[in-house]
Amino acid sequence: MRYLSNIAENRLSMLEHQRDVTDRMLASATACERENEDADWDGVIATLIDTKSNLEHQIETISDWDQERLEDIAHDRADHMRQLRLEDA
């Protein structure tokens, strides 16, 4: 289970980095569009916005999964401790 958490943590870190890079690309594309009104940046900007949205969705999904996993582990440990106390009584 710990191995899965490490994979999730690494994936989350990579996705957050990709989101940050996408943010910078979006800022650059928006600035280029303002500077050069003759160029059509709408498609590029729309694609970057979609990419950022997808990355944020993946980040949220992994974060939710990891939180649920940690809550399950805590619940299992509490059950185990209760069982040990019952056995000792």
C-alpha atoms as a PDB file:
ATOM      1  CA  MET A   1       0.000   0.000   0.000  1.00  0.00           C
ATOM      2  CA  ARG A   2       2.875   2.364   0.773  1.00  0.00           C
ATOM      3  CA  TYR A   3       4.192   1.760  -2.744  1.00  0.00           C
ATOM      4  CA  LEU A   4       0.887   2.940  -4.223  1.00  0.00           C
ATOM      5  CA  SER A   5       1.053   6.082  -2.121  1.00  0.00           C
ATOM      6  CA  ASN A   6       4.551   6.820  -3.435  1.00  0.00           C
ATOM      7  CA  ILE A   7       3.322   6.364  -7.003  1.00  0.00           C
ATOM      8  CA  ALA A   8       0.374   8.676  -6.312  1.00  0.00           C
ATOM      9  CA  GLU A   9       2.676  11.246  -4.721  1.00  0.00           C
ATOM     10  CA  ASN A  10       5.070  11.161  -7.682  1.00  0.00           C
ATOM     11  CA  ARG A  11       2.191  11.416 -10.171  1.00  0.00           C
ATOM     12  CA  LEU A  12       0.688  14.297  -8.214  1.00  0.00           C
ATOM     13  CA  SER A  13       4.002  16.137  -8.212  1.00  0.00           C
ATOM     14  CA  MET A  14       4.383  15.651 -11.965  1.00  0.00           C
ATOM     15  CA  LEU A  15       0.819  16.836 -12.643  1.00  0.00           C
ATOM     16  CA  GLU A  16       1.318  19.927 -10.475  1.00  0.00           C
ATOM     17  CA  HIS A  17       4.498  20.718 -12.400  1.00  0.00           C
ATOM     18  CA  GLN A  18       2.664  20.285 -15.717  1.00  0.00           C
ATOM     19  CA  ARG A  19      -0.109  22.581 -14.469  1.00  0.00           C
ATOM     20  CA  ASP A  20       2.460  25.245 -13.516  1.00  0.00           C
ATOM     21  CA  VAL A  21       4.126  24.992 -16.931  1.00  0.00           C
ATOM     22  CA  THR A  22       0.721  25.196 -18.618  1.00  0.00           C
ATOM     23  CA  ASP A  23      -0.069  28.325 -16.563  1.00  0.00           C
ATOM     24  CA  ARG A  24       3.128  29.965 -17.806  1.00  0.00           C
ATOM     25  CA  MET A  25       2.384  28.944 -21.401  1.00  0.00           C
ATOM     26  CA  LEU A  26      -1.146  30.346 -21.073  1.00  0.00           C
ATOM     27  CA  ALA A  27       0.202  33.638 -19.724  1.00  0.00           C
ATOM     28  CA  SER A  28       2.684  33.831 -22.617  1.00  0.00           C
ATOM     29  CA  ALA A  29       0.039  33.035 -25.229  1.00  0.00           C
ATOM     30  CA  THR A  30      -2.299  35.632 -23.746  1.00  0.00           C
ATOM     31  CA  ALA A  31       0.482  38.245 -23.801  1.00  0.00           C
ATOM     32  CA  CYS A  32       1.353  37.362 -27.411  1.00  0.00           C
ATOM     33  CA  GLU A  33      -2.295  37.703 -28.403  1.00  0.00           C
ATOM     34  CA  ARG A  34      -2.434  41.193 -26.857  1.00  0.00           C
ATOM     35  CA  GLU A  35       0.813  42.268 -28.531  1.00  0.00           C
ATOM     36  CA  ASN A  36      -0.088  40.976 -31.976  1.00  0.00           C
ATOM     37  CA  GLU A  37      -3.749  41.454 -32.724  1.00  0.00           C
ATOM     38  CA  ASP A  38      -3.329  40.064 -36.245  1.00  0.00           C
ATOM     39  CA  ALA A  39      -2.405  36.603 -34.952  1.00  0.00           C
ATOM     40  CA  ASP A  40      -5.102  34.151 -33.980  1.00  0.00           C
ATOM     41  CA  TRP A  41      -4.243  32.752 -30.579  1.00  0.00           C
ATOM     42  CA  ASP A  42      -7.772  31.643 -29.672  1.00  0.00           C
ATOM     43  CA  GLY A  43      -7.136  27.986 -30.529  1.00  0.00           C
ATOM     44  CA  VAL A  44      -3.874  27.869 -28.612  1.00  0.00           C
ATOM     45  CA  ILE A  45      -5.390  29.574 -25.573  1.00  0.00           C
ATOM     46  CA  ALA A  46      -8.459  27.307 -25.639  1.00  0.00           C
ATOM     47  CA  THR A  47      -6.238  24.216 -25.817  1.00  0.00           C
ATOM     48  CA  LEU A  48      -4.117  25.414 -22.909  1.00  0.00           C
ATOM     49  CA  ILE A  49      -7.226  26.160 -20.840  1.00  0.00           C
ATOM     50  CA  ASP A  50      -8.565  22.657 -21.580  1.00  0.00           C
ATOM     51  CA  THR A  51      -5.198  21.127 -20.702  1.00  0.00           C
ATOM     52  CA  LYS A  52      -5.064  23.018 -17.414  1.00  0.00           C
ATOM     53  CA  SER A  53      -8.609  21.947 -16.574  1.00  0.00           C
ATOM     54  CA  ASN A  54      -7.751  18.320 -17.298  1.00  0.00           C
ATOM     55  CA  LEU A  55      -4.620  18.521 -15.145  1.00  0.00           C
ATOM     56  CA  GLU A  56      -6.567  20.074 -12.273  1.00  0.00           C
ATOM     57  CA  HIS A  57      -9.163  17.293 -12.532  1.00  0.00           C
ATOM     58  CA  GLN A  58      -6.438  14.632 -12.373  1.00  0.00           C
ATOM     59  CA  ILE A  59      -4.794  16.371  -9.396  1.00  0.00           C
ATOM     60  CA  GLU A  60      -8.124  16.510  -7.571  1.00  0.00           C
ATOM     61  CA  THR A  61      -8.867  12.851  -8.323  1.00  0.00           C
ATOM     62  CA  ILE A  62      -5.499  11.648  -7.045  1.00  0.00           C
ATOM     63  CA  SER A  63      -5.704  13.872  -3.961  1.00  0.00           C
ATOM     64  CA  ASP A  64      -9.208  12.575  -3.162  1.00  0.00           C
ATOM     65  CA  TRP A  65      -8.101   8.959  -3.674  1.00  0.00           C
ATOM     66  CA  ASP A  66      -5.086   9.397  -1.404  1.00  0.00           C
ATOM     67  CA  GLN A  67      -7.183  11.073   1.305  1.00  0.00           C
ATOM     68  CA  GLU A  68      -9.721   8.231   1.188  1.00  0.00           C
ATOM     69  CA  ARG A  69      -6.889   5.690   1.343  1.00  0.00           C
ATOM     70  CA  LEU A  70      -5.414   7.381   4.422  1.00  0.00           C
ATOM     71  CA  GLU A  71      -8.828   7.488   6.103  1.00  0.00           C
ATOM     72  CA  ASP A  72      -9.310   3.765   5.375  1.00  0.00           C
ATOM     73  CA  ILE A  73      -5.907   2.974   6.896  1.00  0.00           C
ATOM     74  CA  ALA A  74      -6.742   4.995  10.020  1.00  0.00           C
ATOM     75  CA  HIS A  75     -10.107   3.234  10.328  1.00  0.00           C
ATOM     76  CA  ASP A  76      -8.492  -0.199   9.906  1.00  0.00           C
ATOM     77  CA  ARG A  77      -5.884   0.606  12.550  1.00  0.00           C
ATOM     78  CA  ALA A  78      -8.557   1.800  14.979  1.00  0.00           C
ATOM     79  CA  ASP A  79     -10.527  -1.416  14.396  1.00  0.00           C
ATOM     80  CA  HIS A  80      -7.392  -3.462  14.955  1.00  0.00           C
ATOM     81  CA  MET A  81      -6.622  -1.649  18.217  1.00  0.00           C
ATOM     82  CA  ARG A  82     -10.217  -2.183  19.440  1.00  0.00           C
ATOM     83  CA  GLN A  83      -9.918  -5.867  18.605  1.00  0.00           C
ATOM     84  CA  LEU A  84      -6.647  -6.115  20.545  1.00  0.00           C
ATOM     85  CA  ARG A  85      -8.224  -4.434  23.585  1.00  0.00           C
ATOM     86  CA  LEU A  86     -11.161  -6.854  23.418  1.00  0.00           C
ATOM     87  CA  GLU A  87      -8.777  -9.803  23.266  1.00  0.00           C
ATOM     88  CA  ASP A  88      -6.819  -8.486  26.261  1.00  0.00           C
ATOM     89  CA  ALA A  89      -9.981  -8.010  28.352  1.00  0.00           C
END
